[in-house]
Amino acid sequence: MSSRDSYDLKPFLLIYNGIVFGANGAGIMLDLWVTDWARVSFDCTPISYQITDLKPFFTIYLAYIFFWLHIGEMVPRVVATLMKKKVQWDTFDTITELFFIFTIYYGIKYYPGKASSFLTLVTLIFGLFDYAMRVCASAGPPTVDIDYWQKTFAFFKFLHSLSILIHGYILFFTPSCSNITTLSLLEIMASTFNLINTYRNGSTAWSKAKCLKFD
């Protein structure tokens, strides 16, 4: 396999990144609608199946869509491997990604509700910027300011992880949210892993793994 020719999958990567970019944008609008513009992100009340308001149930369906969308994060890495592009990805990256996916699944499975929708919302917002950059990188523009993209990606990744960390701490120390203590701890741990990974990889994570500049 090492001696094979690389596959030219730039058109596929461009289409895929464009679709996911659109999905993130649509997901943000839907998430803001069902959470009343994120005003219920700290409401730990379990969903009542006796109510007629459909918004709380949409949070569950949206979270499931987001769950599979996040698993789809692996697709660009598979494509990069087929194209013989170097991808910076080690054991800690794998652990961080899998733990984040598990946190999403745990929230959907055991604590579906308004508070758990915050994780979906902030990650979709981050994904919108992430995939906007990926679309530009996949299109292979003649001039790509790699330094600017590196700093921008690292900045948004930091804000993404920090917002989840703060949300988890607030829920953990809120007496009325004692029913979702486990989910709060998982959010804190997942965001901590992400912060460590952002610091650990530094700006090289964008230039080597995500911003594939094609010749």
Foldseek 3Di string as FASTA:
>chain_A
DVPDAADDCLVVLLVVLVVLLVVLVVLLVLLCVLLVNLPCQLPQDADDPPDPDCSLVVLLVSLVVLLVSLVCVCVVVVNCVSRVAFADADDLNVVLSVLLSVLSVCCSPPRRGNNSSVLVNLVSVLSNVLSVLLSVLSVQDPDDPLVVVLVVNLVSLLVSLVVLLVSLVVLCPDPVNPVCNVSSVSSNVSSVSSNVVSVVCHSVNCVRHRNNRDD
